[in-house]
C-alpha atoms as a PDB file:
ATOM      1  CA  MET A   1       0.000   0.000   0.000  1.00  0.00           C
ATOM      2  CA  LEU A   2       1.246   3.489  -0.853  1.00  0.00           C
ATOM      3  CA  GLY A   3       2.026   5.893   1.980  1.00  0.00           C
ATOM      4  CA  LEU A   4       0.789   9.476   2.200  1.00  0.00           C
ATOM      5  CA  GLY A   5       3.001  12.452   2.935  1.00  0.00           C
ATOM      6  CA  VAL A   6       3.089  16.237   2.698  1.00  0.00           C
ATOM      7  CA  ASN A   7       5.637  18.924   1.979  1.00  0.00           C
ATOM      8  CA  ILE A   8       5.309  22.643   2.427  1.00  0.00           C
ATOM      9  CA  ALA A   9       6.838  25.556   0.510  1.00  0.00           C
ATOM     10  CA  ILE A  10       6.906  28.279   3.179  1.00  0.00           C
ATOM     11  CA  ILE A  11       7.278  31.508   1.213  1.00  0.00           C
ATOM     12  CA  THR A  12       8.290  34.800   2.855  1.00  0.00           C
ATOM     13  CA  GLU A  13       9.370  37.905   0.934  1.00  0.00           C
ATOM     14  CA  GLY A  14       9.862  35.834  -2.227  1.00  0.00           C
ATOM     15  CA  LYS A  15      12.094  33.291  -0.492  1.00  0.00           C
ATOM     16  CA  ILE A  16      11.330  29.619   0.167  1.00  0.00           C
ATOM     17  CA  LEU A  17      12.424  28.047   3.448  1.00  0.00           C
ATOM     18  CA  LEU A  18      14.428  24.826   3.125  1.00  0.00           C
ATOM     19  CA  THR A  19      15.428  22.425   5.881  1.00  0.00           C
ATOM     20  CA  GLN A  20      18.466  20.156   5.964  1.00  0.00           C
ATOM     21  CA  ARG A  21      17.679  16.483   6.495  1.00  0.00           C
ATOM     22  CA  GLU A  22      19.674  14.705   9.187  1.00  0.00           C
ATOM     23  CA  ASP A  23      19.524  11.255   7.597  1.00  0.00           C
ATOM     24  CA  PHE A  24      21.319  12.068   4.330  1.00  0.00           C
ATOM     25  CA  GLU A  25      22.110  15.787   4.522  1.00  0.00           C
ATOM     26  CA  VAL A  26      20.222  17.264   1.577  1.00  0.00           C
ATOM     27  CA  TRP A  27      18.231  20.489   1.548  1.00  0.00           C
ATOM     28  CA  CYS A  28      14.491  20.035   1.061  1.00  0.00           C
ATOM     29  CA  LEU A  29      11.051  21.419   1.821  1.00  0.00           C
ATOM     30  CA  PRO A  30       9.786  20.653   5.322  1.00  0.00           C
ATOM     31  CA  GLY A  31       7.321  17.783   5.410  1.00  0.00           C
ATOM     32  CA  GLY A  32       6.635  14.231   6.442  1.00  0.00           C
ATOM     33  CA  ALA A  33       4.054  11.504   6.821  1.00  0.00           C
ATOM     34  CA  VAL A  34       0.340  11.991   7.377  1.00  0.00           C
ATOM     35  CA  ASP A  35      -0.742  10.277  10.604  1.00  0.00           C
ATOM     36  CA  GLU A  36      -3.704   7.920  10.667  1.00  0.00           C
ATOM     37  CA  GLY A  37      -6.956   9.896  10.953  1.00  0.00           C
ATOM     38  CA  GLU A  38      -5.220  13.205  10.134  1.00  0.00           C
ATOM     39  CA  SER A  39      -6.111  15.425   7.179  1.00  0.00           C
ATOM     40  CA  VAL A  40      -3.344  16.362   4.759  1.00  0.00           C
ATOM     41  CA  ALA A  41      -3.795  20.048   5.687  1.00  0.00           C
ATOM     42  CA  ALA A  42      -3.438  19.302   9.413  1.00  0.00           C
ATOM     43  CA  ALA A  43      -0.378  17.154   8.685  1.00  0.00           C
ATOM     44  CA  ALA A  44       1.241  19.984   6.716  1.00  0.00           C
ATOM     45  CA  ILE A  45       0.693  22.470   9.549  1.00  0.00           C
ATOM     46  CA  ARG A  46       1.978  19.974  12.148  1.00  0.00           C
ATOM     47  CA  GLU A  47       5.051  18.979  10.123  1.00  0.00           C
ATOM     48  CA  ALA A  48       5.973  22.626   9.480  1.00  0.00           C
ATOM     49  CA  ARG A  49       5.751  23.369  13.213  1.00  0.00           C
ATOM     50  CA  GLU A  50       7.761  20.253  14.155  1.00  0.00           C
ATOM     51  CA  GLU A  51      10.518  20.856  11.610  1.00  0.00           C
ATOM     52  CA  THR A  52      10.807  24.650  11.676  1.00  0.00           C
ATOM     53  CA  GLY A  53       9.106  25.877  14.852  1.00  0.00           C
ATOM     54  CA  LEU A  54       6.935  28.170  12.713  1.00  0.00           C
ATOM     55  CA  LYS A  55       3.186  28.586  12.880  1.00  0.00           C
ATOM     56  CA  ILE A  56       2.056  28.659   9.252  1.00  0.00           C
ATOM     57  CA  GLU A  57      -1.030  29.381   7.202  1.00  0.00           C
ATOM     58  CA  LEU A  58      -1.586  27.232   4.112  1.00  0.00           C
ATOM     59  CA  THR A  59      -2.244  29.459   1.094  1.00  0.00           C
ATOM     60  CA  ARG A  60      -2.808  26.986  -1.724  1.00  0.00           C
ATOM     61  CA  LEU A  61      -2.384  23.462  -2.981  1.00  0.00           C
ATOM     62  CA  ILE A  62       0.627  23.145  -5.277  1.00  0.00           C
ATOM     63  CA  GLY A  63       0.045  19.589  -6.441  1.00  0.00           C
ATOM     64  CA  LEU A  64      -0.179  15.873  -5.797  1.00  0.00           C
ATOM     65  CA  TYR A  65       2.807  13.744  -6.744  1.00  0.00           C
ATOM     66  CA  SER A  66       3.117   9.953  -6.836  1.00  0.00           C
ATOM     67  CA  ARG A  67       6.288   7.956  -6.283  1.00  0.00           C
ATOM     68  CA  PRO A  68       5.129   4.358  -6.662  1.00  0.00           C
ATOM     69  CA  SER A  69       8.686   2.993  -6.650  1.00  0.00           C
ATOM     70  CA  TRP A  70       9.836   4.960  -3.562  1.00  0.00           C
ATOM     71  CA  PRO A  71      11.708   2.641  -1.155  1.00  0.00           C
ATOM     72  CA  GLY A  72       9.233   0.544   0.793  1.00  0.00           C
ATOM     73  CA  ALA A  73       5.661   0.702  -0.413  1.00  0.00           C
ATOM     74  CA  GLY A  74       5.776   3.966  -2.414  1.00  0.00           C
ATOM     75  CA  MET A  75       4.364   7.394  -1.588  1.00  0.00           C
ATOM     76  CA  HIS A  76       1.818   9.984  -2.610  1.00  0.00           C
ATOM     77  CA  ILE A  77       3.022  13.480  -1.688  1.00  0.00           C
ATOM     78  CA  VAL A  78       0.648  16.451  -1.308  1.00  0.00           C
ATOM     79  CA  SER A  79       2.477  19.785  -1.689  1.00  0.00           C
ATOM     80  CA  PHE A  80       1.222  23.064  -0.251  1.00  0.00           C
ATOM     81  CA  ALA A  81       2.349  26.698  -0.355  1.00  0.00           C
ATOM     82  CA  ALA A  82       2.221  28.540   2.975  1.00  0.00           C
ATOM     83  CA  ARG A  83       3.231  31.714   4.756  1.00  0.00           C
ATOM     84  CA  SER A  84       4.487  32.148   8.291  1.00  0.00           C
END
């Protein structure tokens, strides 16, 4: 079964906030897995707070992306734009 995750482009003054992963040290958008019973919007807000400490407001849906061959069972990723 495919997993479900989110990532968030937090945009302030024309700049996008990136975070550096600890597991393989690349720069990326904040995000993570959607918990059971959680909406994708709530997951995006929670993940942004956990990874950046920021309280955000989602501004729009960017897109839905599928990675069926992602390690493990594959992933669907929901991407949002937000402001802090």
